[in-house]
């Protein structure tokens, strides 16, 4: 299957803190508040599920934070790419974390108490 080219939108290109958002999020208040806090955003605009290579390409720039989706696989390898990009925070816009390798996330970001499976 051939995937369409991804369409990324940059918001506040002069911001000093890079945030990769793998799908547009609801509302605009979060964007307004973080723009005031000098954040620069790369937001993916398409409706299909991103492949790992596409996410890695987005992380290759200056990335401090990634906001992912439930539909994406954030394996130890993907989280390593995130850490390699200089990020210190991963957030998932979802209720569940089954698509995230929690043990790898805790180790890579040095936060053993980050997730509790209750």
Foldseek 3Di string as FASTA:
>chain_A
DDDDDWDKDKDQVQADAEEEEAADDPDCPVVVVVVVVRYIYTHTYDDDDDDLVVVLVVLQEQHAEYEAEPVAAAELVNVVSNVVSVYLYYHYPDDDDPRHPVVSNCVSNVNVPPDDDD
